[in-house]
């Protein structure tokens, strides 16, 4: 009986952790990305492009988006030449970058 109760507790904890991870993408975006891309992904004039409605996010592959988040974009790789600053490397872990990509392709686009 104790084993069953322990198993139920572990399953409940894992379910809660999964929900918390989904929320982390939004929190990480606000902490690390919103200063340039706007709190709601609307972009910042003269600073960085909008993320909401951005085709790279809405139609792109998660691994390509994650690569930009982790490695940044500068020089010839820079997509938006009209913005004076480069996209910096984020310094995020792989798991945090995955959470941000999920948020950017999901809830941010609503």
N, C-alpha and C. Protein backbone atom coordinates (compact mmCIF):
# COMPACT_ATOMS: atom_id res chain seq x y z
N UNK A 1 0.82 -1.20 0.00
CA UNK A 1 0.00 0.00 0.00
C UNK A 1 0.86 1.26 0.00
N UNK A 2 1.95 1.24 0.78
CA UNK A 2 2.84 2.39 0.83
C UNK A 2 3.50 2.62 -0.53
N UNK A 3 3.81 1.53 -1.23
CA UNK A 3 4.41 1.65 -2.55
C UNK A 3 3.45 2.34 -3.53
N UNK A 4 2.18 2.01 -3.43
CA UNK A 4 1.19 2.62 -4.31
C UNK A 4 1.06 4.11 -4.00
N UNK A 5 1.03 4.44 -2.72
CA UNK A 5 0.93 5.85 -2.33
C UNK A 5 2.18 6.61 -2.80
N UNK A 6 3.34 6.00 -2.64
CA UNK A 6 4.58 6.64 -3.10
C UNK A 6 4.56 6.84 -4.61
N UNK A 7 4.10 5.84 -5.33
CA UNK A 7 4.02 5.93 -6.78
C UNK A 7 3.07 7.05 -7.20
N UNK A 8 1.92 7.14 -6.56
CA UNK A 8 0.97 8.21 -6.86
C UNK A 8 1.59 9.58 -6.58
N UNK A 9 2.33 9.69 -5.48
CA UNK A 9 2.98 10.96 -5.14
C UNK A 9 4.02 11.34 -6.18
N UNK A 10 4.79 10.38 -6.65
CA UNK A 10 5.81 10.64 -7.68
C UNK A 10 5.14 11.06 -8.98
N UNK A 11 4.10 10.39 -9.38
CA UNK A 11 3.39 10.74 -10.61
C UNK A 11 2.80 12.15 -10.51
N UNK A 12 2.22 12.47 -9.37
CA UNK A 12 1.66 13.81 -9.17
C UNK A 12 2.76 14.87 -9.23
N UNK A 13 3.89 14.59 -8.62
CA UNK A 13 5.02 15.53 -8.64
C UNK A 13 5.52 15.74 -10.07
N UNK A 14 5.62 14.66 -10.83
CA UNK A 14 6.07 14.78 -12.22
C UNK A 14 5.07 15.55 -13.07
N UNK A 15 3.81 15.34 -12.83
CA UNK A 15 2.78 16.08 -13.57
C UNK A 15 2.87 17.56 -13.26
N UNK A 16 3.08 17.89 -12.00
CA UNK A 16 3.21 19.30 -11.61
C UNK A 16 4.47 19.90 -12.21
N UNK A 17 5.56 19.16 -12.20
CA UNK A 17 6.82 19.64 -12.76
C UNK A 17 6.67 19.93 -14.24
N UNK A 18 5.95 19.10 -14.97
CA UNK A 18 5.71 19.34 -16.39
C UNK A 18 4.97 20.65 -16.61
N UNK A 19 3.99 20.95 -15.78
CA UNK A 19 3.26 22.21 -15.88
C UNK A 19 4.15 23.38 -15.54
N UNK A 20 5.00 23.21 -14.56
CA UNK A 20 5.91 24.28 -14.17
C UNK A 20 6.90 24.57 -15.29
N UNK A 21 7.36 23.53 -15.97
CA UNK A 21 8.29 23.73 -17.07
C UNK A 21 7.63 24.53 -18.20
N UNK A 22 6.37 24.27 -18.47
CA UNK A 22 5.68 25.00 -19.51
C UNK A 22 5.62 26.49 -19.15
N UNK A 23 5.43 26.78 -17.87
CA UNK A 23 5.38 28.17 -17.43
C UNK A 23 6.76 28.80 -17.46
N UNK A 24 7.82 28.03 -17.33
CA UNK A 24 9.16 28.57 -17.31
C UNK A 24 9.53 29.27 -18.60
N UNK A 25 9.06 28.78 -19.74
CA UNK A 25 9.39 29.41 -21.01
C UNK A 25 8.96 30.86 -21.04
N UNK A 26 7.78 31.15 -20.53
CA UNK A 26 7.29 32.52 -20.47
C UNK A 26 8.13 33.36 -19.51
N UNK A 27 8.45 32.79 -18.36
CA UNK A 27 9.25 33.53 -17.38
C UNK A 27 10.66 33.80 -17.90
N UNK A 28 11.25 32.82 -18.56
CA UNK A 28 12.59 33.00 -19.11
C UNK A 28 12.55 34.05 -20.22
N UNK A 29 11.53 33.98 -21.09
CA UNK A 29 11.39 34.98 -22.15
C UNK A 29 11.34 36.38 -21.55
N UNK A 30 10.51 36.56 -20.53
CA UNK A 30 10.38 37.88 -19.91
C UNK A 30 11.68 38.34 -19.28
N UNK A 31 12.42 37.42 -18.68
CA UNK A 31 13.68 37.77 -18.01
C UNK A 31 14.83 38.01 -18.99
N UNK A 32 14.89 37.23 -20.07
CA UNK A 32 16.07 37.27 -20.94
C UNK A 32 15.83 37.90 -22.31
N UNK A 33 14.59 37.90 -22.80
CA UNK A 33 14.33 38.30 -24.19
C UNK A 33 13.51 39.58 -24.32
N UNK A 34 12.64 39.81 -23.35
CA UNK A 34 11.66 40.90 -23.47
C UNK A 34 12.30 42.29 -23.50
N UNK A 35 13.47 42.45 -22.94
CA UNK A 35 14.10 43.77 -22.95
C UNK A 35 14.31 44.27 -24.38
N UNK A 36 14.57 43.37 -25.29
CA UNK A 36 14.77 43.75 -26.70
C UNK A 36 13.55 43.44 -27.57
N UNK A 37 12.90 42.31 -27.31
CA UNK A 37 11.80 41.86 -28.17
C UNK A 37 10.42 42.24 -27.67
N UNK A 38 10.34 42.92 -26.51
CA UNK A 38 9.06 43.36 -25.97
C UNK A 38 8.42 42.31 -25.07
N UNK A 39 7.69 42.77 -24.07
CA UNK A 39 7.05 41.88 -23.10
C UNK A 39 6.08 40.90 -23.75
N UNK A 40 5.44 41.33 -24.83
CA UNK A 40 4.47 40.48 -25.52
C UNK A 40 4.98 40.05 -26.88
N UNK A 41 6.31 40.19 -27.09
CA UNK A 41 6.90 39.78 -28.35
C UNK A 41 6.63 40.75 -29.49
N UNK A 42 6.25 41.98 -29.15
CA UNK A 42 5.89 42.97 -30.17
C UNK A 42 7.09 43.63 -30.83
N UNK A 43 8.29 43.36 -30.33
CA UNK A 43 9.48 43.99 -30.88
C UNK A 43 9.70 45.36 -30.27
N UNK A 44 10.89 45.89 -30.48
CA UNK A 44 11.23 47.22 -29.97
C UNK A 44 11.85 48.00 -31.12
N UNK A 45 11.23 49.10 -31.48
CA UNK A 45 11.70 49.91 -32.60
C UNK A 45 13.17 50.28 -32.41
N UNK A 46 13.96 50.01 -33.42
CA UNK A 46 15.38 50.31 -33.39
C UNK A 46 16.21 49.35 -32.55
N UNK A 47 15.57 48.33 -31.99
CA UNK A 47 16.28 47.42 -31.10
C UNK A 47 16.25 45.98 -31.60
N UNK A 48 15.05 45.43 -31.78
CA UNK A 48 14.92 44.03 -32.17
C UNK A 48 13.55 43.78 -32.79
N UNK A 49 13.46 42.79 -33.68
CA UNK A 49 12.21 42.52 -34.37
C UNK A 49 11.15 41.87 -33.47
N UNK A 50 9.92 41.97 -33.93
CA UNK A 50 8.81 41.32 -33.24
C UNK A 50 8.96 39.81 -33.33
N UNK A 51 8.55 39.15 -32.29
CA UNK A 51 8.53 37.69 -32.26
C UNK A 51 7.12 37.18 -32.50
N UNK A 52 6.15 37.96 -32.10
CA UNK A 52 4.75 37.59 -32.34
C UNK A 52 4.45 37.76 -33.82
N UNK A 53 4.00 36.70 -34.45
CA UNK A 53 3.69 36.73 -35.87
C UNK A 53 4.90 36.55 -36.77
N UNK A 54 6.07 36.36 -36.20
CA UNK A 54 7.30 36.20 -36.96
C UNK A 54 7.29 34.83 -37.65
N UNK A 55 7.42 34.81 -38.98
CA UNK A 55 7.34 33.56 -39.74
C UNK A 55 8.42 32.56 -39.34
N UNK A 56 9.59 33.05 -38.95
CA UNK A 56 10.65 32.15 -38.51
C UNK A 56 10.18 31.33 -37.31
N UNK A 57 9.37 31.94 -36.45
CA UNK A 57 8.84 31.24 -35.28
C UNK A 57 7.60 30.43 -35.60
N UNK A 58 6.71 30.99 -36.38
CA UNK A 58 5.44 30.32 -36.64
C UNK A 58 5.57 29.16 -37.62
N UNK A 59 6.54 29.25 -38.53
CA UNK A 59 6.70 28.22 -39.55
C UNK A 59 8.03 27.47 -39.45
N UNK A 60 8.93 27.96 -38.62
CA UNK A 60 10.27 27.38 -38.52
C UNK A 60 10.34 26.12 -37.67
N UNK A 61 11.47 25.46 -37.77
CA UNK A 61 11.73 24.26 -36.98
C UNK A 61 12.26 24.67 -35.61
N UNK A 62 11.81 23.96 -34.59
CA UNK A 62 12.22 24.26 -33.22
C UNK A 62 13.73 24.24 -33.06
N UNK A 63 14.41 23.28 -33.71
CA UNK A 63 15.87 23.20 -33.55
C UNK A 63 16.58 24.39 -34.18
N UNK A 64 16.04 24.96 -35.26
CA UNK A 64 16.64 26.16 -35.87
C UNK A 64 16.46 27.37 -34.97
N UNK A 65 15.30 27.49 -34.37
CA UNK A 65 15.03 28.60 -33.46
C UNK A 65 15.92 28.48 -32.23
N UNK A 66 16.03 27.28 -31.70
CA UNK A 66 16.87 27.04 -30.53
C UNK A 66 18.32 27.41 -30.83
N UNK A 67 18.78 27.09 -32.01
CA UNK A 67 20.17 27.41 -32.39
C UNK A 67 20.41 28.92 -32.33
N UNK A 68 19.46 29.69 -32.84
CA UNK A 68 19.61 31.15 -32.80
C UNK A 68 19.60 31.64 -31.36
N UNK A 69 18.73 31.09 -30.54
CA UNK A 69 18.67 31.49 -29.13
C UNK A 69 20.00 31.21 -28.45
N UNK A 70 20.55 30.04 -28.68
CA UNK A 70 21.79 29.65 -28.01
C UNK A 70 23.03 30.32 -28.58
N UNK A 71 23.09 30.46 -29.91
CA UNK A 71 24.31 30.96 -30.56
C UNK A 71 24.24 32.43 -30.97
N UNK A 72 23.04 33.00 -31.00
CA UNK A 72 22.89 34.38 -31.44
C UNK A 72 23.04 34.49 -32.95
N UNK A 73 23.02 35.72 -33.42
CA UNK A 73 23.24 36.01 -34.85
C UNK A 73 24.01 37.31 -34.97
N UNK A 74 25.07 37.26 -35.75
CA UNK A 74 25.89 38.45 -35.95
C UNK A 74 26.49 38.41 -37.35
N UNK A 75 26.97 39.55 -37.80
CA UNK A 75 27.65 39.62 -39.09
C UNK A 75 26.78 39.15 -40.23
N UNK A 76 27.34 38.32 -41.09
CA UNK A 76 26.63 37.82 -42.27
C UNK A 76 25.41 36.97 -41.89
N UNK A 77 25.43 36.36 -40.72
CA UNK A 77 24.32 35.51 -40.28
C UNK A 77 23.13 36.33 -39.78
N UNK A 78 23.35 37.61 -39.57
CA UNK A 78 22.30 38.47 -39.04
C UNK A 78 21.19 38.62 -40.07
N UNK A 79 19.96 38.32 -39.67
CA UNK A 79 18.81 38.34 -40.58
C UNK A 79 18.24 39.74 -40.75
N UNK A 80 18.13 40.48 -39.67
CA UNK A 80 17.53 41.81 -39.70
C UNK A 80 18.62 42.87 -39.65
N UNK A 81 19.09 43.26 -40.81
CA UNK A 81 20.21 44.20 -40.91
C UNK A 81 19.82 45.61 -40.44
N UNK A 82 18.51 45.92 -40.43
CA UNK A 82 18.08 47.26 -40.05
C UNK A 82 18.22 47.54 -38.55
N UNK A 83 18.46 46.49 -37.77
CA UNK A 83 18.65 46.68 -36.34
C UNK A 83 20.15 46.77 -36.04
N UNK A 84 20.56 47.80 -35.33
CA UNK A 84 22.00 48.03 -35.14
C UNK A 84 22.72 47.01 -34.26
N UNK A 85 22.00 46.35 -33.38
CA UNK A 85 22.68 45.41 -32.49
C UNK A 85 22.51 43.98 -32.99
N UNK A 86 23.49 43.14 -32.66
CA UNK A 86 23.42 41.72 -33.00
C UNK A 86 22.53 41.00 -32.00
N UNK A 87 22.05 39.84 -32.40
CA UNK A 87 21.33 38.96 -31.48
C UNK A 87 22.42 38.26 -30.66
N UNK A 88 22.48 38.53 -29.36
CA UNK A 88 23.54 37.92 -28.55
C UNK A 88 23.26 36.46 -28.21
N UNK A 89 24.31 35.73 -27.86
CA UNK A 89 24.12 34.38 -27.33
C UNK A 89 23.37 34.52 -26.01
N UNK A 90 22.45 33.62 -25.77
CA UNK A 90 21.59 33.75 -24.59
C UNK A 90 22.23 33.27 -23.30
N UNK A 91 23.11 32.30 -23.40
CA UNK A 91 23.68 31.72 -22.19
C UNK A 91 22.73 30.76 -21.48
N UNK A 92 21.61 30.43 -22.13
CA UNK A 92 20.64 29.51 -21.53
C UNK A 92 21.10 28.06 -21.65
N UNK A 93 20.60 27.23 -20.78
CA UNK A 93 20.81 25.79 -20.90
C UNK A 93 19.96 25.27 -22.05
N UNK A 94 20.25 24.06 -22.50
CA UNK A 94 19.43 23.45 -23.56
C UNK A 94 17.97 23.35 -23.13
N UNK A 95 17.74 22.94 -21.89
CA UNK A 95 16.36 22.77 -21.40
C UNK A 95 15.63 24.11 -21.35
N UNK A 96 16.32 25.16 -20.90
CA UNK A 96 15.69 26.48 -20.85
C UNK A 96 15.41 27.00 -22.26
N UNK A 97 16.34 26.77 -23.18
CA UNK A 97 16.13 27.19 -24.58
C UNK A 97 14.94 26.45 -25.18
N UNK A 98 14.81 25.16 -24.89
CA UNK A 98 13.66 24.39 -25.36
C UNK A 98 12.36 24.98 -24.82
N UNK A 99 12.35 25.35 -23.55
CA UNK A 99 11.15 25.93 -22.94
C UNK A 99 10.80 27.27 -23.59
N UNK A 100 11.81 28.07 -23.90
CA UNK A 100 11.56 29.36 -24.55
C UNK A 100 11.01 29.15 -25.96
N UNK A 101 11.59 28.20 -26.70
CA UNK A 101 11.09 27.91 -28.05
C UNK A 101 9.63 27.47 -27.98
N UNK A 102 9.32 26.59 -27.06
CA UNK A 102 7.94 26.12 -26.92
C UNK A 102 7.00 27.29 -26.63
N UNK A 103 7.42 28.18 -25.75
CA UNK A 103 6.60 29.36 -25.43
C UNK A 103 6.46 30.27 -26.65
N UNK A 104 7.56 30.53 -27.34
CA UNK A 104 7.53 31.43 -28.48
C UNK A 104 6.70 30.90 -29.64
N UNK A 105 6.71 29.60 -29.84
CA UNK A 105 5.90 29.01 -30.91
C UNK A 105 4.46 28.78 -30.48
N UNK A 106 4.21 28.79 -29.19
CA UNK A 106 2.88 28.51 -28.67
C UNK A 106 2.19 29.73 -28.12
N UNK A 107 2.24 29.90 -26.82
CA UNK A 107 1.47 30.93 -26.14
C UNK A 107 1.78 32.35 -26.61
N UNK A 108 3.01 32.63 -26.97
CA UNK A 108 3.37 33.98 -27.43
C UNK A 108 2.63 34.34 -28.70
N UNK A 109 2.29 33.36 -29.51
CA UNK A 109 1.64 33.62 -30.79
C UNK A 109 0.13 33.80 -30.68
N UNK A 110 -0.42 33.60 -29.50
CA UNK A 110 -1.88 33.71 -29.32
C UNK A 110 -2.31 35.15 -29.18
